[in-house]
Amino acid sequence: MKRYMSVFLKGAGMGAADAVPGVSGGTIAFVTGIYEELLHTIKQFGPSAFVAWRRGGLPMLAVHLNLAFAIPLLLGIATSLFSVAHLVVWLLDEYPLLLNGFFFGLVAASAVVVSRHPSDWKLWHMLPFACGLLMAHGLPSLMPLITLLGSQSLMLIVGGAIAISALLLPGVSGSFLLLTMGLYGTVMQAIRSFDLGLLSVFAVGCLIGLSGFSRLLSWLLRHYHTATLQLLIGFIVGSLPVIWPWRELVSYQLGPEGQMIPLGYRYLAPGDYANLTGEPGLLFPVLGTMLAGAVLVLALGRYHRADSPDEAAAGSTTSPDKKDGSNA
């Protein structure tokens, strides 16, 4: 029961993070130590599940799909998304500096927590780290091209596949990519109003993205573990400018429904922000929320290190790389 509650709370953290443009649920999974198990579990939802069911019925299928992990995680994500969506929209409207400050501290501390060099780290691993930085910086600028698809259903499918793939990448925010695609408002409104039509179309894209991207990341971690970790850390560090609290939108375009799609920001000091906007820079309150986000992540990292022996024992029946071949 303790493990189920722990996984549920980690899923709730992922859902809360993914509701905020600029923050990735993958970062929460990375910091809390469930990242590789998450990838492996998603990968198991494929043709091999049918084979497991034929061999051992529902009990073997449940073990193959790691449902003891997947169900509480999904419940946590869903509970958080549907409950936090209203709160996040309100906070983004009323207290954007404080909210961005909190998540800036959270993501920055995440980079520190996960950047400890493993024993096989080499100097050339700086190359995938640099690639992660560049990709995190350049990826959002490509997203407005999705609007050229025209059809809203097609945009939702493609956008869902991209956004859910970003959920699996620490530091790359699926919500922010949806924002740059002009789909964030549509999806969040569908969640708040429980629009099953739009959510079903979006879910199709999510399933496509999860199926393909989880297998790619799982393969990379299995064959190039340290290099892939450095790539992911690059993504985390590269995402920090996106959630810098004091910034000015300098370029944008209008989406098919007239919504504003941000393309570029200018990053400011708190005093410059106050002079430019005429609003208070809230230096010390924002620094306080940054510190709160950083302390939360450091506490989660310490909790995971203390809890990892139990986690390993609990998850030993679903070791990602050892069991994959026998179940497939």
C-alpha atoms as a PDB file:
ATOM      1  CA  MET A   1       0.000   0.000   0.000  1.00  0.00           C
ATOM      2  CA  LYS A   2       2.875   2.353   0.780  1.00  0.00           C
ATOM      3  CA  ARG A   3       4.280   1.864  -2.742  1.00  0.00           C
ATOM      4  CA  TYR A   4       0.856   2.414  -4.345  1.00  0.00           C
ATOM      5  CA  MET A   5       0.398   5.697  -2.473  1.00  0.00           C
ATOM      6  CA  SER A   6       3.952   6.755  -3.329  1.00  0.00           C
ATOM      7  CA  VAL A   7       3.375   6.100  -7.049  1.00  0.00           C
ATOM      8  CA  PHE A   8      -0.008   7.874  -6.897  1.00  0.00           C
ATOM      9  CA  LEU A   9       1.584  10.994  -5.392  1.00  0.00           C
ATOM     10  CA  LYS A  10       4.366  10.940  -7.985  1.00  0.00           C
ATOM     11  CA  GLY A  11       1.718  10.701 -10.709  1.00  0.00           C
ATOM     12  CA  ALA A  12      -0.110  13.647  -9.133  1.00  0.00           C
ATOM     13  CA  GLY A  13       3.140  15.620  -9.268  1.00  0.00           C
ATOM     14  CA  MET A  14       3.557  14.733 -12.944  1.00  0.00           C
ATOM     15  CA  GLY A  15      -0.001  15.823 -13.727  1.00  0.00           C
ATOM     16  CA  ALA A  16       0.420  19.116 -11.881  1.00  0.00           C
ATOM     17  CA  ALA A  17       3.668  19.855 -13.718  1.00  0.00           C
ATOM     18  CA  ASP A  18       2.208  19.027 -17.126  1.00  0.00           C
ATOM     19  CA  ALA A  19      -0.662  21.454 -16.572  1.00  0.00           C
ATOM     20  CA  VAL A  20       1.832  24.344 -16.545  1.00  0.00           C
ATOM     21  CA  PRO A  21       3.339  25.578 -19.844  1.00  0.00           C
ATOM     22  CA  GLY A  22       7.111  25.308 -19.528  1.00  0.00           C
ATOM     23  CA  VAL A  23       7.265  22.417 -17.052  1.00  0.00           C
ATOM     24  CA  SER A  24       7.519  18.712 -17.871  1.00  0.00           C
ATOM     25  CA  GLY A  25       6.003  15.823 -15.984  1.00  0.00           C
ATOM     26  CA  GLY A  26       9.002  13.837 -17.197  1.00  0.00           C
ATOM     27  CA  THR A  27      11.166  16.004 -14.938  1.00  0.00           C
ATOM     28  CA  ILE A  28       9.107  14.910 -11.913  1.00  0.00           C
ATOM     29  CA  ALA A  29       9.364  11.258 -12.986  1.00  0.00           C
ATOM     30  CA  PHE A  30      13.128  11.677 -13.418  1.00  0.00           C
ATOM     31  CA  VAL A  31      13.683  13.260 -10.008  1.00  0.00           C
ATOM     32  CA  THR A  32      11.418  10.834  -8.138  1.00  0.00           C
ATOM     33  CA  GLY A  33      13.173   7.810  -9.622  1.00  0.00           C
ATOM     34  CA  ILE A  34      10.358   6.270 -11.673  1.00  0.00           C
ATOM     35  CA  TYR A  35      11.499   7.439 -15.107  1.00  0.00           C
ATOM     36  CA  GLU A  36      12.925   4.205 -16.505  1.00  0.00           C
ATOM     37  CA  GLU A  37      10.146   2.079 -14.989  1.00  0.00           C
ATOM     38  CA  LEU A  38       7.644   4.474 -16.584  1.00  0.00           C
ATOM     39  CA  LEU A  39       9.225   4.008 -20.016  1.00  0.00           C
ATOM     40  CA  HIS A  40       9.348   0.244 -19.640  1.00  0.00           C
ATOM     41  CA  THR A  41       5.724   0.047 -18.496  1.00  0.00           C
ATOM     42  CA  ILE A  42       4.475   2.128 -21.430  1.00  0.00           C
ATOM     43  CA  LYS A  43       6.496  -0.041 -23.821  1.00  0.00           C
ATOM     44  CA  GLN A  44       4.787  -3.174 -22.511  1.00  0.00           C
ATOM     45  CA  PHE A  45       1.405  -1.993 -23.852  1.00  0.00           C
ATOM     46  CA  GLY A  46       1.862  -3.574 -27.261  1.00  0.00           C
ATOM     47  CA  PRO A  47       1.587  -6.886 -29.111  1.00  0.00           C
ATOM     48  CA  SER A  48       3.607  -8.642 -26.402  1.00  0.00           C
ATOM     49  CA  ALA A  49       0.709  -8.038 -23.987  1.00  0.00           C
ATOM     50  CA  PHE A  50      -1.483 -10.350 -26.080  1.00  0.00           C
ATOM     51  CA  VAL A  51       1.194 -13.061 -25.911  1.00  0.00           C
ATOM     52  CA  ALA A  52       1.410 -12.692 -22.118  1.00  0.00           C
ATOM     53  CA  TRP A  53      -2.383 -12.986 -21.842  1.00  0.00           C
ATOM     54  CA  ARG A  54      -2.418 -16.140 -23.997  1.00  0.00           C
ATOM     55  CA  ARG A  55       0.304 -17.736 -21.865  1.00  0.00           C
ATOM     56  CA  GLY A  56      -0.983 -16.973 -18.364  1.00  0.00           C
ATOM     57  CA  GLY A  57      -4.326 -15.205 -18.553  1.00  0.00           C
ATOM     58  CA  LEU A  58      -5.118 -12.058 -16.591  1.00  0.00           C
ATOM     59  CA  PRO A  59      -2.565 -12.655 -13.776  1.00  0.00           C
ATOM     60  CA  MET A  60       0.371 -12.804 -16.209  1.00  0.00           C
ATOM     61  CA  LEU A  61      -1.054  -9.894 -18.205  1.00  0.00           C
ATOM     62  CA  ALA A  62      -1.215  -7.770 -15.043  1.00  0.00           C
ATOM     63  CA  VAL A  63       2.432  -8.567 -14.266  1.00  0.00           C
ATOM     64  CA  HIS A  64       3.493  -7.973 -17.875  1.00  0.00           C
ATOM     65  CA  LEU A  65       1.791  -4.568 -17.980  1.00  0.00           C
ATOM     66  CA  ASN A  66       3.099  -3.692 -14.484  1.00  0.00           C
ATOM     67  CA  LEU A  67      -0.427  -2.632 -13.495  1.00  0.00           C
ATOM     68  CA  ALA A  68       0.571  -2.317  -9.844  1.00  0.00           C
ATOM     69  CA  PHE A  69       2.635   0.665 -11.023  1.00  0.00           C
ATOM     70  CA  ALA A  70       0.597   1.883 -14.008  1.00  0.00           C
ATOM     71  CA  ILE A  71      -2.827   2.140 -12.344  1.00  0.00           C
ATOM     72  CA  PRO A  72      -1.884   4.297  -9.320  1.00  0.00           C
ATOM     73  CA  LEU A  73       0.353   6.440 -11.560  1.00  0.00           C
ATOM     74  CA  LEU A  74      -2.446   7.082 -14.071  1.00  0.00           C
ATOM     75  CA  LEU A  75      -4.919   7.759 -11.269  1.00  0.00           C
ATOM     76  CA  GLY A  76      -2.520  10.313  -9.811  1.00  0.00           C
ATOM     77  CA  ILE A  77      -1.953  12.024 -13.168  1.00  0.00           C
ATOM     78  CA  ALA A  78      -5.682  12.104 -14.004  1.00  0.00           C
ATOM     79  CA  THR A  79      -6.717  13.314 -10.549  1.00  0.00           C
ATOM     80  CA  SER A  80      -4.141  16.085 -10.658  1.00  0.00           C
ATOM     81  CA  LEU A  81      -4.915  17.165 -14.225  1.00  0.00           C
ATOM     82  CA  PHE A  82      -8.643  17.488 -13.666  1.00  0.00           C
ATOM     83  CA  SER A  83      -8.280  19.153 -10.274  1.00  0.00           C
ATOM     84  CA  VAL A  84      -5.254  21.346 -10.993  1.00  0.00           C
ATOM     85  CA  ALA A  85      -6.381  22.612 -14.422  1.00  0.00           C
ATOM     86  CA  HIS A  86      -8.671  25.257 -12.903  1.00  0.00           C
ATOM     87  CA  LEU A  87      -6.102  26.282 -10.297  1.00  0.00           C
ATOM     88  CA  VAL A  88      -3.283  26.570 -12.828  1.00  0.00           C
ATOM     89  CA  VAL A  89      -5.301  28.747 -15.198  1.00  0.00           C
ATOM     90  CA  TRP A  90      -6.188  31.024 -12.286  1.00  0.00           C
ATOM     91  CA  LEU A  91      -2.593  31.220 -11.015  1.00  0.00           C
ATOM     92  CA  LEU A  92      -1.258  31.926 -14.527  1.00  0.00           C
ATOM     93  CA  ASP A  93      -3.726  34.813 -14.811  1.00  0.00           C
ATOM     94  CA  GLU A  94      -3.345  36.228 -11.301  1.00  0.00           C
ATOM     95  CA  TYR A  95       0.189  35.357 -10.137  1.00  0.00           C
ATOM     96  CA  PRO A  96       2.311  34.437 -13.200  1.00  0.00           C
ATOM     97  CA  LEU A  97       5.611  35.643 -11.685  1.00  0.00           C
ATOM     98  CA  LEU A  98       5.178  33.626  -8.501  1.00  0.00           C
ATOM     99  CA  LEU A  99       4.079  30.488 -10.357  1.00  0.00           C
ATOM    100  CA  ASN A 100       6.930  30.679 -12.866  1.00  0.00           C
ATOM    101  CA  GLY A 101       9.357  31.379 -10.030  1.00  0.00           C
ATOM    102  CA  PHE A 102       8.247  28.227  -8.212  1.00  0.00           C
ATOM    103  CA  PHE A 103       8.673  26.037 -11.266  1.00  0.00           C
ATOM    104  CA  PHE A 104      11.965  27.708 -12.222  1.00  0.00           C
ATOM    105  CA  GLY A 105      13.364  26.713  -8.831  1.00  0.00           C
ATOM    106  CA  LEU A 106      11.892  23.239  -9.204  1.00  0.00           C
ATOM    107  CA  VAL A 107      13.409  22.606 -12.648  1.00  0.00           C
ATOM    108  CA  ALA A 108      16.790  24.171 -11.770  1.00  0.00           C
ATOM    109  CA  ALA A 109      17.082  21.973  -8.680  1.00  0.00           C
ATOM    110  CA  SER A 110      16.026  18.988 -10.789  1.00  0.00           C
ATOM    111  CA  ALA A 111      19.022  19.540 -13.059  1.00  0.00           C
ATOM    112  CA  VAL A 112      21.287  19.502  -9.992  1.00  0.00           C
ATOM    113  CA  VAL A 113      19.699  16.362  -8.549  1.00  0.00           C
ATOM    114  CA  VAL A 114      19.958  14.280 -11.721  1.00  0.00           C
ATOM    115  CA  SER A 115      23.322  15.577 -13.001  1.00  0.00           C
ATOM    116  CA  ARG A 116      25.531  13.494 -10.720  1.00  0.00           C
ATOM    117  CA  HIS A 117      28.032  11.817 -13.012  1.00  0.00           C
ATOM    118  CA  PRO A 118      27.848   8.006 -13.117  1.00  0.00           C
ATOM    119  CA  SER A 119      31.036   5.980 -12.879  1.00  0.00           C
ATOM    120  CA  ASP A 120      31.291   5.528 -16.654  1.00  0.00           C
ATOM    121  CA  TRP A 121      30.950   9.258 -17.470  1.00  0.00           C
ATOM    122  CA  LYS A 122      33.374  10.462 -20.157  1.00  0.00           C
ATOM    123  CA  LEU A 123      34.245  13.877 -21.514  1.00  0.00           C
ATOM    124  CA  TRP A 124      32.512  13.112 -24.826  1.00  0.00           C
ATOM    125  CA  HIS A 125      29.211  12.874 -22.936  1.00  0.00           C
ATOM    126  CA  MET A 126      29.208  16.676 -23.040  1.00  0.00           C
ATOM    127  CA  LEU A 127      28.179  16.284 -26.707  1.00  0.00           C
ATOM    128  CA  PRO A 128      24.723  14.767 -26.017  1.00  0.00           C
ATOM    129  CA  PHE A 129      24.331  17.289 -23.195  1.00  0.00           C
ATOM    130  CA  ALA A 130      24.931  20.118 -25.692  1.00  0.00           C
ATOM    131  CA  CYS A 131      22.514  18.493 -28.156  1.00  0.00           C
ATOM    132  CA  GLY A 132      19.846  18.435 -25.452  1.00  0.00           C
ATOM    133  CA  LEU A 133      20.413  22.137 -24.787  1.00  0.00           C
ATOM    134  CA  LEU A 134      20.072  23.025 -28.476  1.00  0.00           C
ATOM    135  CA  MET A 135      17.019  20.847 -29.035  1.00  0.00           C
ATOM    136  CA  ALA A 136      15.219  22.226 -25.971  1.00  0.00           C
ATOM    137  CA  HIS A 137      15.895  25.746 -27.283  1.00  0.00           C
ATOM    138  CA  GLY A 138      14.946  25.107 -30.914  1.00  0.00           C
ATOM    139  CA  LEU A 139      12.025  22.689 -30.662  1.00  0.00           C
ATOM    140  CA  PRO A 140       9.323  25.230 -29.662  1.00  0.00           C
ATOM    141  CA  SER A 141      10.133  27.420 -32.670  1.00  0.00           C
ATOM    142  CA  LEU A 142       9.105  24.558 -35.005  1.00  0.00           C
ATOM    143  CA  MET A 143       5.731  23.931 -33.364  1.00  0.00           C
ATOM    144  CA  PRO A 144       3.746  26.728 -35.100  1.00  0.00           C
ATOM    145  CA  LEU A 145       4.177  24.718 -38.327  1.00  0.00           C
ATOM    146  CA  ILE A 146       1.458  22.406 -36.977  1.00  0.00           C
ATOM    147  CA  THR A 147      -1.104  25.112 -37.788  1.00  0.00           C
ATOM    148  CA  LEU A 148      -0.419  24.496 -41.492  1.00  0.00           C
ATOM    149  CA  LEU A 149      -2.263  21.161 -41.212  1.00  0.00           C
ATOM    150  CA  GLY A 150      -5.552  23.095 -41.279  1.00  0.00           C
ATOM    151  CA  SER A 151      -7.909  20.459 -39.876  1.00  0.00           C
ATOM    152  CA  GLN A 152      -8.412  20.776 -36.122  1.00  0.00           C
ATOM    153  CA  SER A 153      -8.745  17.001 -35.723  1.00  0.00           C
ATOM    154  CA  LEU A 154      -5.454  16.395 -37.527  1.00  0.00           C
ATOM    155  CA  MET A 155      -3.795  19.139 -35.494  1.00  0.00           C
ATOM    156  CA  LEU A 156      -5.051  17.552 -32.272  1.00  0.00           C
ATOM    157  CA  ILE A 157      -3.748  14.113 -33.273  1.00  0.00           C
ATOM    158  CA  VAL A 158      -0.311  15.384 -34.293  1.00  0.00           C
ATOM    159  CA  GLY A 159      -0.214  17.790 -31.358  1.00  0.00           C
ATOM    160  CA  GLY A 160      -1.189  15.017 -28.950  1.00  0.00           C
ATOM    161  CA  ALA A 161       1.572  12.736 -30.255  1.00  0.00           C
ATOM    162  CA  ILE A 162       4.177  15.497 -29.881  1.00  0.00           C
ATOM    163  CA  ALA A 163       2.950  16.743 -26.502  1.00  0.00           C
ATOM    164  CA  ILE A 164       2.762  13.278 -24.917  1.00  0.00           C
ATOM    165  CA  SER A 165       6.245  12.512 -26.242  1.00  0.00           C
ATOM    166  CA  ALA A 166       7.427  15.702 -24.561  1.00  0.00           C
ATOM    167  CA  LEU A 167       5.878  14.437 -21.324  1.00  0.00           C
ATOM    168  CA  LEU A 168       8.468  11.640 -21.454  1.00  0.00           C
ATOM    169  CA  LEU A 169      11.334  14.117 -21.922  1.00  0.00           C
ATOM    170  CA  PRO A 170      12.523  15.790 -18.719  1.00  0.00           C
ATOM    171  CA  GLY A 171      12.680  19.533 -19.257  1.00  0.00           C
ATOM    172  CA  VAL A 172      10.530  19.669 -22.395  1.00  0.00           C
ATOM    173  CA  SER A 173       7.021  20.782 -21.545  1.00  0.00           C
ATOM    174  CA  GLY A 174       4.157  19.232 -23.458  1.00  0.00           C
ATOM    175  CA  SER A 175       1.946  22.101 -22.297  1.00  0.00           C
ATOM    176  CA  PHE A 176       4.385  24.689 -23.648  1.00  0.00           C
ATOM    177  CA  LEU A 177       4.608  22.876 -26.990  1.00  0.00           C
ATOM    178  CA  LEU A 178       0.800  22.835 -27.113  1.00  0.00           C
ATOM    179  CA  LEU A 179       0.912  26.579 -26.415  1.00  0.00           C
ATOM    180  CA  THR A 180       3.306  27.174 -29.321  1.00  0.00           C
ATOM    181  CA  MET A 181       1.087  24.984 -31.519  1.00  0.00           C
ATOM    182  CA  GLY A 182      -1.937  27.096 -30.562  1.00  0.00           C
ATOM    183  CA  LEU A 183      -3.675  24.087 -28.983  1.00  0.00           C
ATOM    184  CA  TYR A 184      -3.151  24.695 -25.265  1.00  0.00           C
ATOM    185  CA  GLY A 185      -6.348  26.664 -24.731  1.00  0.00           C
ATOM    186  CA  THR A 186      -8.382  24.157 -26.761  1.00  0.00           C
ATOM    187  CA  VAL A 187      -7.096  21.151 -24.814  1.00  0.00           C
ATOM    188  CA  MET A 188      -7.353  22.778 -21.373  1.00  0.00           C
ATOM    189  CA  GLN A 189     -10.908  23.927 -22.112  1.00  0.00           C
ATOM    190  CA  ALA A 190     -11.790  20.390 -23.256  1.00  0.00           C
ATOM    191  CA  ILE A 191     -10.411  19.029 -19.978  1.00  0.00           C
ATOM    192  CA  ARG A 192     -12.302  21.561 -17.868  1.00  0.00           C
ATOM    193  CA  SER A 193     -15.584  21.019 -19.744  1.00  0.00           C
ATOM    194  CA  PHE A 194     -15.004  17.265 -20.166  1.00  0.00           C
ATOM    195  CA  ASP A 195     -15.498  17.464 -23.957  1.00  0.00           C
ATOM    196  CA  LEU A 196     -15.242  13.768 -24.827  1.00  0.00           C
ATOM    197  CA  GLY A 197     -15.176  14.414 -28.582  1.00  0.00           C
ATOM    198  CA  LEU A 198     -12.071  16.620 -28.536  1.00  0.00           C
ATOM    199  CA  LEU A 199     -10.431  14.581 -25.783  1.00  0.00           C
ATOM    200  CA  SER A 200     -10.917  11.349 -27.760  1.00  0.00           C
ATOM    201  CA  VAL A 201      -9.225  12.799 -30.851  1.00  0.00           C
ATOM    202  CA  PHE A 202      -6.394  14.159 -28.717  1.00  0.00           C
ATOM    203  CA  ALA A 203      -6.073  10.774 -26.966  1.00  0.00           C
ATOM    204  CA  VAL A 204      -5.500   9.017 -30.310  1.00  0.00           C
ATOM    205  CA  GLY A 205      -2.470  11.205 -30.921  1.00  0.00           C
ATOM    206  CA  CYS A 206      -1.263  10.609 -27.367  1.00  0.00           C
ATOM    207  CA  LEU A 207      -1.431   6.828 -27.846  1.00  0.00           C
ATOM    208  CA  ILE A 208       0.547   7.055 -31.086  1.00  0.00           C
ATOM    209  CA  GLY A 209       3.218   9.211 -29.460  1.00  0.00           C
ATOM    210  CA  LEU A 210       3.480   7.075 -26.321  1.00  0.00           C
ATOM    211  CA  SER A 211       3.807   3.839 -28.265  1.00  0.00           C
ATOM    212  CA  GLY A 212       6.600   5.014 -30.551  1.00  0.00           C
ATOM    213  CA  PHE A 213       8.574   7.388 -28.370  1.00  0.00           C
ATOM    214  CA  SER A 214       8.657   5.196 -25.261  1.00  0.00           C
ATOM    215  CA  ARG A 215      10.236   2.411 -27.308  1.00  0.00           C
ATOM    216  CA  LEU A 216      12.845   4.771 -28.744  1.00  0.00           C
ATOM    217  CA  LEU A 217      13.824   6.165 -25.340  1.00  0.00           C
ATOM    218  CA  SER A 218      13.855   2.711 -23.755  1.00  0.00           C
ATOM    219  CA  TRP A 219      16.189   1.456 -26.496  1.00  0.00           C
ATOM    220  CA  LEU A 220      18.504   4.450 -26.097  1.00  0.00           C
ATOM    221  CA  LEU A 221      18.688   3.986 -22.322  1.00  0.00           C
ATOM    222  CA  ARG A 222      19.371   0.279 -22.718  1.00  0.00           C
ATOM    223  CA  HIS A 223      22.186   0.725 -25.241  1.00  0.00           C
ATOM    224  CA  TYR A 224      23.559   4.221 -24.450  1.00  0.00           C
ATOM    225  CA  HIS A 225      22.483   4.784 -20.856  1.00  0.00           C
ATOM    226  CA  THR A 226      24.907   7.498 -19.717  1.00  0.00           C
ATOM    227  CA  ALA A 227      24.852   9.400 -23.010  1.00  0.00           C
ATOM    228  CA  THR A 228      21.041   9.376 -23.000  1.00  0.00           C
ATOM    229  CA  LEU A 229      20.960  10.634 -19.404  1.00  0.00           C
ATOM    230  CA  GLN A 230      23.251  13.507 -20.386  1.00  0.00           C
ATOM    231  CA  LEU A 231      20.930  14.305 -23.314  1.00  0.00           C
ATOM    232  CA  LEU A 232      17.978  14.413 -20.906  1.00  0.00           C
ATOM    233  CA  ILE A 233      19.870  16.666 -18.481  1.00  0.00           C
ATOM    234  CA  GLY A 234      20.554  18.986 -21.424  1.00  0.00           C
ATOM    235  CA  PHE A 235      16.819  19.113 -22.063  1.00  0.00           C
ATOM    236  CA  ILE A 236      16.208  20.073 -18.426  1.00  0.00           C
ATOM    237  CA  VAL A 237      18.794  22.868 -18.390  1.00  0.00           C
ATOM    238  CA  GLY A 238      17.702  24.089 -21.831  1.00  0.00           C
ATOM    239  CA  SER A 239      14.110  24.473 -20.668  1.00  0.00           C
ATOM    240  CA  LEU A 240      14.961  26.981 -17.924  1.00  0.00           C
ATOM    241  CA  PRO A 241      14.666  30.148 -20.078  1.00  0.00           C
ATOM    242  CA  VAL A 242      11.103  29.169 -21.005  1.00  0.00           C
ATOM    243  CA  ILE A 243       9.990  29.571 -17.371  1.00  0.00           C
ATOM    244  CA  TRP A 244      12.189  32.545 -16.398  1.00  0.00           C
ATOM    245  CA  PRO A 245       9.634  34.733 -14.560  1.00  0.00           C
ATOM    246  CA  TRP A 246      10.704  38.160 -15.856  1.00  0.00           C
ATOM    247  CA  ARG A 247      10.352  38.027 -19.631  1.00  0.00           C
ATOM    248  CA  GLU A 248       8.752  39.999 -22.438  1.00  0.00           C
ATOM    249  CA  LEU A 249       6.995  38.493 -25.446  1.00  0.00           C
ATOM    250  CA  VAL A 250       8.709  39.984 -28.510  1.00  0.00           C
ATOM    251  CA  SER A 251       7.224  37.939 -31.361  1.00  0.00           C
ATOM    252  CA  TYR A 252       4.087  35.901 -31.921  1.00  0.00           C
ATOM    253  CA  GLN A 253       1.675  34.760 -34.593  1.00  0.00           C
ATOM    254  CA  LEU A 254      -2.057  34.172 -34.645  1.00  0.00           C
ATOM    255  CA  GLY A 255      -3.389  30.633 -34.864  1.00  0.00           C
ATOM    256  CA  PRO A 256      -6.316  29.420 -36.991  1.00  0.00           C
ATOM    257  CA  GLU A 257      -8.840  30.524 -34.345  1.00  0.00           C
ATOM    258  CA  GLY A 258      -7.167  33.873 -33.638  1.00  0.00           C
ATOM    259  CA  GLN A 259      -5.266  32.666 -30.568  1.00  0.00           C
ATOM    260  CA  MET A 260      -1.821  34.130 -29.895  1.00  0.00           C
ATOM    261  CA  ILE A 261       1.087  31.691 -30.376  1.00  0.00           C
ATOM    262  CA  PRO A 262       4.313  32.899 -28.684  1.00  0.00           C
ATOM    263  CA  LEU A 263       7.455  32.663 -30.813  1.00  0.00           C
ATOM    264  CA  GLY A 264      10.138  34.574 -28.910  1.00  0.00           C
ATOM    265  CA  TYR A 265      10.839  36.204 -25.562  1.00  0.00           C
ATOM    266  CA  ARG A 266      13.291  38.756 -24.201  1.00  0.00           C
ATOM    267  CA  TYR A 267      14.582  37.830 -20.766  1.00  0.00           C
ATOM    268  CA  LEU A 268      14.805  40.687 -18.266  1.00  0.00           C
ATOM    269  CA  ALA A 269      16.127  41.523 -14.831  1.00  0.00           C
ATOM    270  CA  PRO A 270      13.396  42.157 -12.220  1.00  0.00           C
ATOM    271  CA  GLY A 271      14.042  45.919 -12.232  1.00  0.00           C
ATOM    272  CA  ASP A 272      13.895  46.122 -16.041  1.00  0.00           C
ATOM    273  CA  TYR A 273      10.683  44.114 -16.023  1.00  0.00           C
ATOM    274  CA  ALA A 274       9.100  46.554 -13.545  1.00  0.00           C
ATOM    275  CA  ASN A 275      10.218  49.571 -15.599  1.00  0.00           C
ATOM    276  CA  LEU A 276       8.963  48.045 -18.842  1.00  0.00           C
ATOM    277  CA  THR A 277       5.576  46.787 -17.681  1.00  0.00           C
ATOM    278  CA  GLY A 278       4.818  49.222 -14.876  1.00  0.00           C
ATOM    279  CA  GLU A 279       4.035  46.251 -12.646  1.00  0.00           C
ATOM    280  CA  PRO A 280       6.034  45.270  -9.531  1.00  0.00           C
ATOM    281  CA  GLY A 281       8.892  42.851 -10.163  1.00  0.00           C
ATOM    282  CA  LEU A 282       8.201  41.036  -6.864  1.00  0.00           C
ATOM    283  CA  LEU A 283      11.879  40.137  -6.513  1.00  0.00           C
ATOM    284  CA  PHE A 284      11.798  38.719  -2.989  1.00  0.00           C
ATOM    285  CA  PRO A 285       8.412  36.923  -3.266  1.00  0.00           C
ATOM    286  CA  VAL A 286       9.557  35.285  -6.527  1.00  0.00           C
ATOM    287  CA  LEU A 287      12.900  34.315  -4.990  1.00  0.00           C
ATOM    288  CA  GLY A 288      10.903  32.804  -2.144  1.00  0.00           C
ATOM    289  CA  THR A 289       8.831  30.660  -4.513  1.00  0.00           C
ATOM    290  CA  MET A 290      12.020  29.660  -6.390  1.00  0.00           C
ATOM    291  CA  LEU A 291      13.503  28.507  -3.090  1.00  0.00           C
ATOM    292  CA  ALA A 292      10.306  26.608  -2.257  1.00  0.00           C
ATOM    293  CA  GLY A 293      10.439  24.769  -5.595  1.00  0.00           C
ATOM    294  CA  ALA A 294      14.125  23.932  -5.146  1.00  0.00           C
ATOM    295  CA  VAL A 295      13.626  22.674  -1.580  1.00  0.00           C
ATOM    296  CA  LEU A 296      10.726  20.482  -2.706  1.00  0.00           C
ATOM    297  CA  VAL A 297      12.855  18.804  -5.377  1.00  0.00           C
ATOM    298  CA  LEU A 298      15.842  18.345  -3.077  1.00  0.00           C
ATOM    299  CA  ALA A 299      13.536  16.765  -0.491  1.00  0.00           C
ATOM    300  CA  LEU A 300      12.063  14.460  -3.146  1.00  0.00           C
ATOM    301  CA  GLY A 301      15.556  13.489  -4.268  1.00  0.00           C
ATOM    302  CA  ARG A 302      16.601  12.685  -0.697  1.00  0.00           C
ATOM    303  CA  TYR A 303      13.376  10.722  -0.108  1.00  0.00           C
ATOM    304  CA  HIS A 304      13.957   8.692  -3.270  1.00  0.00           C
ATOM    305  CA  ARG A 305      17.533   7.849  -2.294  1.00  0.00           C
ATOM    306  CA  ALA A 306      16.352   6.742   1.143  1.00  0.00           C
ATOM    307  CA  ASP A 307      13.452   4.772  -0.342  1.00  0.00           C
ATOM    308  CA  SER A 308      15.290   3.246  -3.316  1.00  0.00           C
ATOM    309  CA  PRO A 309      16.114  -0.124  -1.679  1.00  0.00           C
ATOM    310  CA  ASP A 310      12.416  -0.736  -1.058  1.00  0.00           C
ATOM    311  CA  GLU A 311      11.526   0.526  -4.515  1.00  0.00           C
ATOM    312  CA  ALA A 312      14.044  -1.801  -6.113  1.00  0.00           C
ATOM    313  CA  ALA A 313      12.694  -4.759  -4.164  1.00  0.00           C
ATOM    314  CA  ALA A 314       9.124  -3.885  -5.051  1.00  0.00           C
ATOM    315  CA  GLY A 315       9.942  -3.452  -8.725  1.00  0.00           C
ATOM    316  CA  SER A 316      12.293  -6.406  -9.095  1.00  0.00           C
ATOM    317  CA  THR A 317       9.669  -8.463 -10.919  1.00  0.00           C
ATOM    318  CA  THR A 318       9.531  -5.841 -13.684  1.00  0.00           C
ATOM    319  CA  SER A 319      13.159  -5.032 -14.347  1.00  0.00           C
ATOM    320  CA  PRO A 320      13.062  -3.056 -17.607  1.00  0.00           C
ATOM    321  CA  ASP A 321      15.823  -4.717 -19.552  1.00  0.00           C
ATOM    322  CA  LYS A 322      16.008  -8.177 -18.070  1.00  0.00           C
ATOM    323  CA  LYS A 323      12.361  -9.088 -18.374  1.00  0.00           C
ATOM    324  CA  ASP A 324      11.564  -7.514 -21.697  1.00  0.00           C
ATOM    325  CA  GLY A 325      12.794 -10.357 -23.834  1.00  0.00           C
ATOM    326  CA  SER A 326      11.018 -13.083 -21.890  1.00  0.00           C
ATOM    327  CA  ASN A 327       7.689 -11.286 -21.998  1.00  0.00           C
ATOM    328  CA  ALA A 328       7.826 -10.256 -25.618  1.00  0.00           C
END
